[in-house]
């Protein structure tokens, strides 16, 4: 997932496609203007075989009043993603749980 953060920060579309599935990528892209300097914090294994990964990020200045749901009360500047094992090697971001 450090690969994902590096690709995101470099705006490297090819590398992002390598570690995201289409739905997860679309969810990430919807937050692109606000989520900058993405850094992996840690990942926790889930019973179903996927992981929940926690990232920190800076929040870009915005004139938009857009907010994202935050039912788990994650702190500002934290992104939470579900990642699943790839069919060969590595992991794919499959779902954005929260980004704030």
PDB file of N, CA and C in Angstrom:
ATOM      1  N   UNK A   1       0.806  -1.195   0.000  1.00  0.00           N
ATOM      2  CA  UNK A   1       0.000   0.000   0.000  1.00  0.00           C
ATOM      3  C   UNK A   1       0.851   1.262   0.000  1.00  0.00           C
ATOM      4  N   UNK A   2       2.135   1.130   0.352  1.00  0.00           N
ATOM      5  CA  UNK A   2       3.022   2.281   0.174  1.00  0.00           C
ATOM      6  C   UNK A   2       3.159   2.593  -1.315  1.00  0.00           C
ATOM      7  N   UNK A   3       3.075   1.560  -2.145  1.00  0.00           N
ATOM      8  CA  UNK A   3       3.097   1.725  -3.605  1.00  0.00           C
ATOM      9  C   UNK A   3       1.894   2.565  -4.035  1.00  0.00           C
ATOM     10  N   UNK A   4       0.719   2.279  -3.484  1.00  0.00           N
ATOM     11  CA  UNK A   4      -0.487   3.041  -3.796  1.00  0.00           C
ATOM     12  C   UNK A   4      -0.295   4.501  -3.410  1.00  0.00           C
ATOM     13  N   UNK A   5       0.207   4.762  -2.208  1.00  0.00           N
ATOM     14  CA  UNK A   5       0.407   6.135  -1.757  1.00  0.00           C
ATOM     15  C   UNK A   5       1.399   6.867  -2.656  1.00  0.00           C
ATOM     16  N   UNK A   6       2.489   6.204  -3.013  1.00  0.00           N
ATOM     17  CA  UNK A   6       3.478   6.829  -3.894  1.00  0.00           C
ATOM     18  C   UNK A   6       2.911   7.141  -5.263  1.00  0.00           C
ATOM     19  N   UNK A   7       2.133   6.222  -5.802  1.00  0.00           N
ATOM     20  CA  UNK A   7       1.516   6.440  -7.116  1.00  0.00           C
ATOM     21  C   UNK A   7       0.510   7.586  -7.048  1.00  0.00           C
ATOM     22  N   UNK A   8      -0.267   7.639  -5.973  1.00  0.00           N
ATOM     23  CA  UNK A   8      -1.254   8.717  -5.796  1.00  0.00           C
ATOM     24  C   UNK A   8      -0.552  10.072  -5.727  1.00  0.00           C
ATOM     25  N   UNK A   9       0.498  10.155  -4.913  1.00  0.00           N
ATOM     26  CA  UNK A   9       1.204  11.420  -4.729  1.00  0.00           C
ATOM     27  C   UNK A   9       1.909  11.877  -6.002  1.00  0.00           C
ATOM     28  N   UNK A  10       2.330  10.929  -6.830  1.00  0.00           N
ATOM     29  CA  UNK A  10       2.997  11.260  -8.092  1.00  0.00           C
ATOM     30  C   UNK A  10       2.009  11.445  -9.239  1.00  0.00           C
ATOM     31  N   UNK A  11       0.723  11.240  -8.968  1.00  0.00           N
ATOM     32  CA  UNK A  11      -0.320  11.310  -9.994  1.00  0.00           C
ATOM     33  C   UNK A  11       0.013  10.377 -11.158  1.00  0.00           C
ATOM     34  N   UNK A  12       0.468   9.170 -10.807  1.00  0.00           N
ATOM     35  CA  UNK A  12       0.879   8.176 -11.796  1.00  0.00           C
ATOM     36  C   UNK A  12      -0.302   7.249 -12.087  1.00  0.00           C
ATOM     37  N   UNK A  13      -1.016   7.548 -13.147  1.00  0.00           N
ATOM     38  CA  UNK A  13      -2.233   6.822 -13.499  1.00  0.00           C
ATOM     39  C   UNK A  13      -1.962   5.339 -13.750  1.00  0.00           C
ATOM     40  N   UNK A  14      -0.905   5.035 -14.441  1.00  0.00           N
ATOM     41  CA  UNK A  14      -0.589   3.630 -14.747  1.00  0.00           C
ATOM     42  C   UNK A  14      -0.349   2.822 -13.472  1.00  0.00           C
ATOM     43  N   UNK A  15       0.435   3.362 -12.555  1.00  0.00           N
ATOM     44  CA  UNK A  15       0.701   2.655 -11.303  1.00  0.00           C
ATOM     45  C   UNK A  15      -0.548   2.551 -10.435  1.00  0.00           C
ATOM     46  N   UNK A  16      -1.395   3.591 -10.429  1.00  0.00           N
ATOM     47  CA  UNK A  16      -2.653   3.519  -9.675  1.00  0.00           C
ATOM     48  C   UNK A  16      -3.560   2.426 -10.222  1.00  0.00           C
ATOM     49  N   UNK A  17      -3.624   2.312 -11.540  1.00  0.00           N
ATOM     50  CA  UNK A  17      -4.446   1.260 -12.142  1.00  0.00           C
ATOM     51  C   UNK A  17      -3.950  -0.132 -11.761  1.00  0.00           C
ATOM     52  N   UNK A  18      -2.663  -0.244 -11.497  1.00  0.00           N
ATOM     53  CA  UNK A  18      -2.062  -1.521 -11.134  1.00  0.00           C
ATOM     54  C   UNK A  18      -2.493  -2.000  -9.748  1.00  0.00           C
ATOM     55  N   UNK A  19      -2.882  -1.069  -8.858  1.00  0.00           N
ATOM     56  CA  UNK A  19      -3.185  -1.441  -7.471  1.00  0.00           C
ATOM     57  C   UNK A  19      -4.595  -1.060  -7.019  1.00  0.00           C
ATOM     58  N   UNK A  20      -5.470  -0.745  -7.964  1.00  0.00           N
ATOM     59  CA  UNK A  20      -6.859  -0.440  -7.624  1.00  0.00           C
ATOM     60  C   UNK A  20      -7.782  -1.197  -8.561  1.00  0.00           C
ATOM     61  N   UNK A  21      -8.950  -1.569  -8.075  1.00  0.00           N
ATOM     62  CA  UNK A  21      -9.948  -2.076  -9.002  1.00  0.00           C
ATOM     63  C   UNK A  21     -10.755  -0.864  -9.484  1.00  0.00           C
ATOM     64  N   UNK A  22     -11.550  -1.019 -10.554  1.00  0.00           N
ATOM     65  CA  UNK A  22     -12.237   0.149 -11.119  1.00  0.00           C
ATOM     66  C   UNK A  22     -13.117   0.913 -10.131  1.00  0.00           C
ATOM     67  N   UNK A  23     -13.846   0.211  -9.283  1.00  0.00           N
ATOM     68  CA  UNK A  23     -14.727   0.898  -8.331  1.00  0.00           C
ATOM     69  C   UNK A  23     -13.917   1.668  -7.289  1.00  0.00           C
ATOM     70  N   UNK A  24     -12.887   1.044  -6.747  1.00  0.00           N
ATOM     71  CA  UNK A  24     -12.042   1.713  -5.764  1.00  0.00           C
ATOM     72  C   UNK A  24     -11.338   2.919  -6.354  1.00  0.00           C
ATOM     73  N   UNK A  25     -10.881   2.785  -7.589  1.00  0.00           N
ATOM     74  CA  UNK A  25     -10.202   3.893  -8.262  1.00  0.00           C
ATOM     75  C   UNK A  25     -11.158   5.057  -8.473  1.00  0.00           C
ATOM     76  N   UNK A  26     -12.370   4.763  -8.877  1.00  0.00           N
ATOM     77  CA  UNK A  26     -13.357   5.820  -9.097  1.00  0.00           C
ATOM     78  C   UNK A  26     -13.648   6.562  -7.779  1.00  0.00           C
ATOM     79  N   UNK A  27     -13.755   5.814  -6.688  1.00  0.00           N
ATOM     80  CA  UNK A  27     -13.980   6.448  -5.387  1.00  0.00           C
ATOM     81  C   UNK A  27     -12.801   7.337  -4.997  1.00  0.00           C
ATOM     82  N   UNK A  28     -11.573   6.863  -5.225  1.00  0.00           N
ATOM     83  CA  UNK A  28     -10.397   7.687  -4.928  1.00  0.00           C
ATOM     84  C   UNK A  28     -10.385   8.946  -5.775  1.00  0.00           C
ATOM     85  N   UNK A  29     -10.649   8.784  -7.057  1.00  0.00           N
ATOM     86  CA  UNK A  29     -10.622   9.926  -7.969  1.00  0.00           C
ATOM     87  C   UNK A  29     -11.613  11.009  -7.563  1.00  0.00           C
ATOM     88  N   UNK A  30     -12.727  10.615  -6.957  1.00  0.00           N
ATOM     89  CA  UNK A  30     -13.728  11.609  -6.558  1.00  0.00           C
ATOM     90  C   UNK A  30     -13.215  12.517  -5.439  1.00  0.00           C
ATOM     91  N   UNK A  31     -12.140  12.110  -4.777  1.00  0.00           N
ATOM     92  CA  UNK A  31     -11.577  12.907  -3.685  1.00  0.00           C
ATOM     93  C   UNK A  31     -10.239  13.538  -4.048  1.00  0.00           C
ATOM     94  N   UNK A  32      -9.853  13.440  -5.306  1.00  0.00           N
ATOM     95  CA  UNK A  32      -8.509  13.833  -5.736  1.00  0.00           C
ATOM     96  C   UNK A  32      -8.156  15.280  -5.425  1.00  0.00           C
ATOM     97  N   UNK A  33      -9.103  16.174  -5.510  1.00  0.00           N
ATOM     98  CA  UNK A  33      -8.769  17.577  -5.300  1.00  0.00           C
ATOM     99  C   UNK A  33      -8.525  17.918  -3.835  1.00  0.00           C
ATOM    100  N   UNK A  34      -8.990  17.090  -2.918  1.00  0.00           N
ATOM    101  CA  UNK A  34      -8.832  17.382  -1.494  1.00  0.00           C
ATOM    102  C   UNK A  34      -7.784  16.534  -0.800  1.00  0.00           C
ATOM    103  N   UNK A  35      -7.531  15.320  -1.280  1.00  0.00           N
ATOM    104  CA  UNK A  35      -6.655  14.375  -0.590  1.00  0.00           C
ATOM    105  C   UNK A  35      -5.254  14.437  -1.199  1.00  0.00           C
ATOM    106  N   UNK A  36      -4.339  15.116  -0.512  1.00  0.00           N
ATOM    107  CA  UNK A  36      -2.964  15.252  -1.012  1.00  0.00           C
ATOM    108  C   UNK A  36      -1.989  14.704   0.021  1.00  0.00           C
ATOM    109  N   UNK A  37      -0.816  14.309  -0.465  1.00  0.00           N
ATOM    110  CA  UNK A  37       0.247  13.768   0.393  1.00  0.00           C
ATOM    111  C   UNK A  37      -0.239  12.553   1.185  1.00  0.00           C
ATOM    112  N   UNK A  38      -0.733  11.560   0.476  1.00  0.00           N
ATOM    113  CA  UNK A  38      -1.238  10.324   1.077  1.00  0.00           C
ATOM    114  C   UNK A  38      -0.082   9.501   1.638  1.00  0.00           C
ATOM    115  N   UNK A  39      -0.205   9.067   2.900  1.00  0.00           N
ATOM    116  CA  UNK A  39       0.847   8.282   3.557  1.00  0.00           C
ATOM    117  C   UNK A  39       0.213   7.094   4.282  1.00  0.00           C
ATOM    118  N   UNK A  40       0.761   5.895   4.027  1.00  0.00           N
ATOM    119  CA  UNK A  40       0.266   4.696   4.711  1.00  0.00           C
ATOM    120  C   UNK A  40       0.594   4.768   6.202  1.00  0.00           C
ATOM    121  N   UNK A  41      -0.401   4.503   7.028  1.00  0.00           N
ATOM    122  CA  UNK A  41      -0.212   4.438   8.481  1.00  0.00           C
ATOM    123  C   UNK A  41      -0.068   2.976   8.900  1.00  0.00           C
ATOM    124  N   UNK A  42      -1.103   2.157   8.618  1.00  0.00           N
ATOM    125  CA  UNK A  42      -1.029   0.731   8.921  1.00  0.00           C
ATOM    126  C   UNK A  42      -2.208   0.007   8.274  1.00  0.00           C
ATOM    127  N   UNK A  43      -2.118  -1.307   8.237  1.00  0.00           N
ATOM    128  CA  UNK A  43      -3.195  -2.159   7.726  1.00  0.00           C
ATOM    129  C   UNK A  43      -3.520  -3.211   8.784  1.00  0.00           C
ATOM    130  N   UNK A  44      -4.787  -3.588   8.841  1.00  0.00           N
ATOM    131  CA  UNK A  44      -5.257  -4.587   9.791  1.00  0.00           C
ATOM    132  C   UNK A  44      -5.993  -5.670   9.011  1.00  0.00           C
ATOM    133  N   UNK A  45      -5.636  -6.921   9.234  1.00  0.00           N
ATOM    134  CA  UNK A  45      -6.284  -8.041   8.550  1.00  0.00           C
ATOM    135  C   UNK A  45      -7.711  -8.212   9.048  1.00  0.00           C
ATOM    136  N   UNK A  46      -8.619  -8.458   8.119  1.00  0.00           N
ATOM    137  CA  UNK A  46     -10.022  -8.735   8.434  1.00  0.00           C
ATOM    138  C   UNK A  46     -10.282 -10.231   8.335  1.00  0.00           C
ATOM    139  N   UNK A  47     -11.267 -10.751   9.055  1.00  0.00           N
ATOM    140  CA  UNK A  47     -11.551 -12.193   9.038  1.00  0.00           C
ATOM    141  C   UNK A  47     -11.854 -12.739   7.643  1.00  0.00           C
ATOM    142  N   UNK A  48     -12.404 -11.936   6.748  1.00  0.00           N
ATOM    143  CA  UNK A  48     -12.782 -12.419   5.413  1.00  0.00           C
ATOM    144  C   UNK A  48     -11.636 -12.522   4.429  1.00  0.00           C
ATOM    145  N   UNK A  49     -10.415 -12.143   4.832  1.00  0.00           N
ATOM    146  CA  UNK A  49      -9.259 -12.269   3.950  1.00  0.00           C
ATOM    147  C   UNK A  49      -8.809 -10.959   3.326  1.00  0.00           C
ATOM    148  N   UNK A  50      -9.600  -9.902   3.460  1.00  0.00           N
ATOM    149  CA  UNK A  50      -9.138  -8.605   2.984  1.00  0.00           C
ATOM    150  C   UNK A  50      -8.549  -7.830   4.172  1.00  0.00           C
ATOM    151  N   UNK A  51      -8.059  -6.635   3.926  1.00  0.00           N
ATOM    152  CA  UNK A  51      -7.476  -5.802   4.978  1.00  0.00           C
ATOM    153  C   UNK A  51      -8.155  -4.439   4.990  1.00  0.00           C
ATOM    154  N   UNK A  52      -8.114  -3.784   6.119  1.00  0.00           N
ATOM    155  CA  UNK A  52      -8.487  -2.387   6.215  1.00  0.00           C
ATOM    156  C   UNK A  52      -7.189  -1.618   6.413  1.00  0.00           C
ATOM    157  N   UNK A  53      -6.935  -0.656   5.531  1.00  0.00           N
ATOM    158  CA  UNK A  53      -5.701   0.123   5.604  1.00  0.00           C
ATOM    159  C   UNK A  53      -6.023   1.573   5.938  1.00  0.00           C
ATOM    160  N   UNK A  54      -5.213   2.120   6.821  1.00  0.00           N
ATOM    161  CA  UNK A  54      -5.384   3.487   7.304  1.00  0.00           C
ATOM    162  C   UNK A  54      -4.255   4.354   6.748  1.00  0.00           C
ATOM    163  N   UNK A  55      -4.628   5.483   6.197  1.00  0.00           N
ATOM    164  CA  UNK A  55      -3.684   6.430   5.621  1.00  0.00           C
ATOM    165  C   UNK A  55      -3.911   7.796   6.254  1.00  0.00           C
ATOM    166  N   UNK A  56      -2.882   8.609   6.274  1.00  0.00           N
ATOM    167  CA  UNK A  56      -3.040  10.013   6.613  1.00  0.00           C
ATOM    168  C   UNK A  56      -2.853  10.812   5.334  1.00  0.00           C
ATOM    169  N   UNK A  57      -3.392  12.011   5.319  1.00  0.00           N
ATOM    170  CA  UNK A  57      -3.209  12.894   4.169  1.00  0.00           C
ATOM    171  C   UNK A  57      -3.442  14.329   4.587  1.00  0.00           C
ATOM    172  N   UNK A  58      -2.869  15.224   3.790  1.00  0.00           N
ATOM    173  CA  UNK A  58      -3.145  16.636   3.969  1.00  0.00           C
ATOM    174  C   UNK A  58      -4.471  16.935   3.285  1.00  0.00           C
ATOM    175  N   UNK A  59      -5.106  18.003   3.712  1.00  0.00           N
ATOM    176  CA  UNK A  59      -6.379  18.393   3.120  1.00  0.00           C
ATOM    177  C   UNK A  59      -6.156  19.690   2.356  1.00  0.00           C
ATOM    178  N   UNK A  60      -6.347  19.635   1.046  1.00  0.00           N
ATOM    179  CA  UNK A  60      -6.148  20.807   0.206  1.00  0.00           C
ATOM    180  C   UNK A  60      -7.225  21.848   0.486  1.00  0.00           C
ATOM    181  N   UNK A  61      -6.869  23.110   0.309  1.00  0.00           N
ATOM    182  CA  UNK A  61      -7.832  24.191   0.442  1.00  0.00           C
ATOM    183  C   UNK A  61      -8.939  23.990  -0.583  1.00  0.00           C
ATOM    184  N   UNK A  62     -10.157  24.286  -0.204  1.00  0.00           N
ATOM    185  CA  UNK A  62     -11.290  24.122  -1.112  1.00  0.00           C
ATOM    186  C   UNK A  62     -12.346  25.179  -0.814  1.00  0.00           C
ATOM    187  N   UNK A  63     -13.040  25.581  -1.855  1.00  0.00           N
ATOM    188  CA  UNK A  63     -14.174  26.478  -1.674  1.00  0.00           C
ATOM    189  C   UNK A  63     -15.466  25.684  -1.625  1.00  0.00           C
ATOM    190  N   UNK A  64     -15.374  24.379  -1.829  1.00  0.00           N
ATOM    191  CA  UNK A  64     -16.546  23.509  -1.823  1.00  0.00           C
ATOM    192  C   UNK A  64     -16.958  23.182  -0.390  1.00  0.00           C
ATOM    193  N   UNK A  65     -18.247  23.061  -0.183  1.00  0.00           N
ATOM    194  CA  UNK A  65     -18.735  22.654   1.137  1.00  0.00           C
ATOM    195  C   UNK A  65     -18.983  21.151   1.194  1.00  0.00           C
ATOM    196  N   UNK A  66     -18.433  20.412   0.226  1.00  0.00           N
ATOM    197  CA  UNK A  66     -18.637  18.966   0.172  1.00  0.00           C
ATOM    198  C   UNK A  66     -18.068  18.297   1.412  1.00  0.00           C
ATOM    199  N   UNK A  67     -18.850  17.433   1.994  1.00  0.00           N
ATOM    200  CA  UNK A  67     -18.368  16.616   3.102  1.00  0.00           C
ATOM    201  C   UNK A  67     -18.703  15.165   2.805  1.00  0.00           C
ATOM    202  N   UNK A  68     -17.955  14.265   3.400  1.00  0.00           N
ATOM    203  CA  UNK A  68     -18.184  12.843   3.204  1.00  0.00           C
ATOM    204  C   UNK A  68     -18.766  12.264   4.485  1.00  0.00           C
ATOM    205  N   UNK A  69     -19.620  11.260   4.376  1.00  0.00           N
ATOM    206  CA  UNK A  69     -20.176  10.650   5.586  1.00  0.00           C
ATOM    207  C   UNK A  69     -19.056  10.131   6.488  1.00  0.00           C
ATOM    208  N   UNK A  70     -19.247  10.267   7.783  1.00  0.00           N
ATOM    209  CA  UNK A  70     -18.229   9.834   8.738  1.00  0.00           C
ATOM    210  C   UNK A  70     -18.887   9.169   9.948  1.00  0.00           C
ATOM    211  N   UNK A  71     -19.615   8.059   9.729  1.00  0.00           N
ATOM    212  CA  UNK A  71     -20.319   7.428  10.845  1.00  0.00           C
ATOM    213  C   UNK A  71     -19.386   6.823  11.900  1.00  0.00           C
ATOM    214  N   UNK A  72     -18.139   6.548  11.550  1.00  0.00           N
ATOM    215  CA  UNK A  72     -17.195   5.948  12.499  1.00  0.00           C
ATOM    216  C   UNK A  72     -16.361   7.005  13.223  1.00  0.00           C
ATOM    217  N   UNK A  73     -16.604   8.282  12.923  1.00  0.00           N
ATOM    218  CA  UNK A  73     -15.888   9.395  13.559  1.00  0.00           C
ATOM    219  C   UNK A  73     -14.373   9.319  13.391  1.00  0.00           C
ATOM    220  N   UNK A  74     -13.918   9.038  12.159  1.00  0.00           N
ATOM    221  CA  UNK A  74     -12.482   9.059  11.883  1.00  0.00           C
ATOM    222  C   UNK A  74     -11.985  10.497  11.976  1.00  0.00           C
ATOM    223  N   UNK A  75     -10.722  10.703  12.361  1.00  0.00           N
ATOM    224  CA  UNK A  75     -10.203  12.063  12.475  1.00  0.00           C
ATOM    225  C   UNK A  75     -10.004  12.699  11.097  1.00  0.00           C
ATOM    226  N   UNK A  76     -10.044  14.047  11.019  1.00  0.00           N
ATOM    227  CA  UNK A  76      -9.755  14.721   9.757  1.00  0.00           C
ATOM    228  C   UNK A  76      -8.352  14.349   9.281  1.00  0.00           C
ATOM    229  N   UNK A  77      -8.182  14.251   7.982  1.00  0.00           N
ATOM    230  CA  UNK A  77      -6.878  13.904   7.437  1.00  0.00           C
ATOM    231  C   UNK A  77      -6.578  12.423   7.474  1.00  0.00           C
ATOM    232  N   UNK A  78      -7.609  11.599   7.644  1.00  0.00           N
ATOM    233  CA  UNK A  78      -7.407  10.151   7.606  1.00  0.00           C
ATOM    234  C   UNK A  78      -8.267   9.556   6.499  1.00  0.00           C
ATOM    235  N   UNK A  79      -7.695   8.631   5.765  1.00  0.00           N
ATOM    236  CA  UNK A  79      -8.430   7.885   4.742  1.00  0.00           C
ATOM    237  C   UNK A  79      -8.385   6.415   5.136  1.00  0.00           C
ATOM    238  N   UNK A  80      -9.493   5.726   4.945  1.00  0.00           N
ATOM    239  CA  UNK A  80      -9.591   4.314   5.304  1.00  0.00           C
ATOM    240  C   UNK A  80     -10.074   3.556   4.078  1.00  0.00           C
ATOM    241  N   UNK A  81      -9.295   2.576   3.653  1.00  0.00           N
ATOM    242  CA  UNK A  81      -9.597   1.812   2.447  1.00  0.00           C
ATOM    243  C   UNK A  81      -9.665   0.319   2.763  1.00  0.00           C
ATOM    244  N   UNK A  82     -10.525  -0.390   2.052  1.00  0.00           N
ATOM    245  CA  UNK A  82     -10.510  -1.844   2.078  1.00  0.00           C
ATOM    246  C   UNK A  82      -9.639  -2.291   0.913  1.00  0.00           C
ATOM    247  N   UNK A  83      -8.702  -3.191   1.186  1.00  0.00           N
ATOM    248  CA  UNK A  83      -7.836  -3.738   0.141  1.00  0.00           C
ATOM    249  C   UNK A  83      -7.958  -5.257   0.160  1.00  0.00           C
ATOM    250  N   UNK A  84      -7.874  -5.843  -1.013  1.00  0.00           N
ATOM    251  CA  UNK A  84      -8.024  -7.293  -1.142  1.00  0.00           C
ATOM    252  C   UNK A  84      -6.836  -7.864  -1.912  1.00  0.00           C
ATOM    253  N   UNK A  85      -6.506  -9.125  -1.660  1.00  0.00           N
ATOM    254  CA  UNK A  85      -5.401  -9.745  -2.388  1.00  0.00           C
ATOM    255  C   UNK A  85      -5.680  -9.786  -3.886  1.00  0.00           C
ATOM    256  N   UNK A  86      -4.654  -9.516  -4.669  1.00  0.00           N
ATOM    257  CA  UNK A  86      -4.762  -9.624  -6.125  1.00  0.00           C
ATOM    258  C   UNK A  86      -4.717 -11.089  -6.519  1.00  0.00           C
ATOM    259  N   UNK A  87      -5.152 -11.387  -7.724  1.00  0.00           N
ATOM    260  CA  UNK A  87      -5.183 -12.780  -8.184  1.00  0.00           C
ATOM    261  C   UNK A  87      -3.780 -13.350  -8.366  1.00  0.00           C
ATOM    262  N   UNK A  88      -2.791 -12.501  -8.613  1.00  0.00           N
ATOM    263  CA  UNK A  88      -1.415 -12.986  -8.739  1.00  0.00           C
ATOM    264  C   UNK A  88      -0.636 -12.629  -7.481  1.00  0.00           C
ATOM    265  N   UNK A  89      -0.066 -11.448  -7.438  1.00  0.00           N
ATOM    266  CA  UNK A  89       0.620 -11.010  -6.222  1.00  0.00           C
ATOM    267  C   UNK A  89       0.226  -9.569  -5.925  1.00  0.00           C
ATOM    268  N   UNK A  90       0.350  -9.186  -4.678  1.00  0.00           N
ATOM    269  CA  UNK A  90       0.019  -7.817  -4.294  1.00  0.00           C
ATOM    270  C   UNK A  90      -1.415  -7.662  -3.831  1.00  0.00           C
ATOM    271  N   UNK A  91      -1.849  -6.409  -3.770  1.00  0.00           N
ATOM    272  CA  UNK A  91      -3.162  -6.061  -3.232  1.00  0.00           C
ATOM    273  C   UNK A  91      -3.833  -5.030  -4.125  1.00  0.00           C
ATOM    274  N   UNK A  92      -5.164  -5.013  -4.092  1.00  0.00           N
ATOM    275  CA  UNK A  92      -5.959  -4.010  -4.805  1.00  0.00           C
ATOM    276  C   UNK A  92      -6.790  -3.225  -3.818  1.00  0.00           C
ATOM    277  N   UNK A  93      -6.834  -1.901  -3.996  1.00  0.00           N
ATOM    278  CA  UNK A  93      -7.793  -1.096  -3.260  1.00  0.00           C
ATOM    279  C   UNK A  93      -9.156  -1.385  -3.874  1.00  0.00           C
ATOM    280  N   UNK A  94     -10.096  -1.843  -3.066  1.00  0.00           N
ATOM    281  CA  UNK A  94     -11.404  -2.210  -3.587  1.00  0.00           C
ATOM    282  C   UNK A  94     -12.512  -1.271  -3.150  1.00  0.00           C
ATOM    283  N   UNK A  95     -12.295  -0.548  -2.030  1.00  0.00           N
ATOM    284  CA  UNK A  95     -13.377   0.314  -1.531  1.00  0.00           C
ATOM    285  C   UNK A  95     -12.808   1.393  -0.624  1.00  0.00           C
ATOM    286  N   UNK A  96     -13.319   2.600  -0.795  1.00  0.00           N
ATOM    287  CA  UNK A  96     -12.998   3.680   0.135  1.00  0.00           C
ATOM    288  C   UNK A  96     -14.031   3.626   1.252  1.00  0.00           C
ATOM    289  N   UNK A  97     -13.579   3.375   2.459  1.00  0.00           N
ATOM    290  CA  UNK A  97     -14.470   3.343   3.617  1.00  0.00           C
ATOM    291  C   UNK A  97     -14.749   4.754   4.093  1.00  0.00           C
ATOM    292  N   UNK A  98     -13.710   5.568   4.139  1.00  0.00           N
ATOM    293  CA  UNK A  98     -13.846   6.945   4.587  1.00  0.00           C
ATOM    294  C   UNK A  98     -12.656   7.761   4.112  1.00  0.00           C
ATOM    295  N   UNK A  99     -12.902   9.015   3.839  1.00  0.00           N
ATOM    296  CA  UNK A  99     -11.834   9.969   3.570  1.00  0.00           C
ATOM    297  C   UNK A  99     -12.290  11.303   4.126  1.00  0.00           C
ATOM    298  N   UNK A 100     -11.537  11.842   5.033  1.00  0.00           N
ATOM    299  CA  UNK A 100     -11.955  13.107   5.644  1.00  0.00           C
ATOM    300  C   UNK A 100     -10.805  14.010   5.937  1.00  0.00           C
TER     301      UNK A 100
END
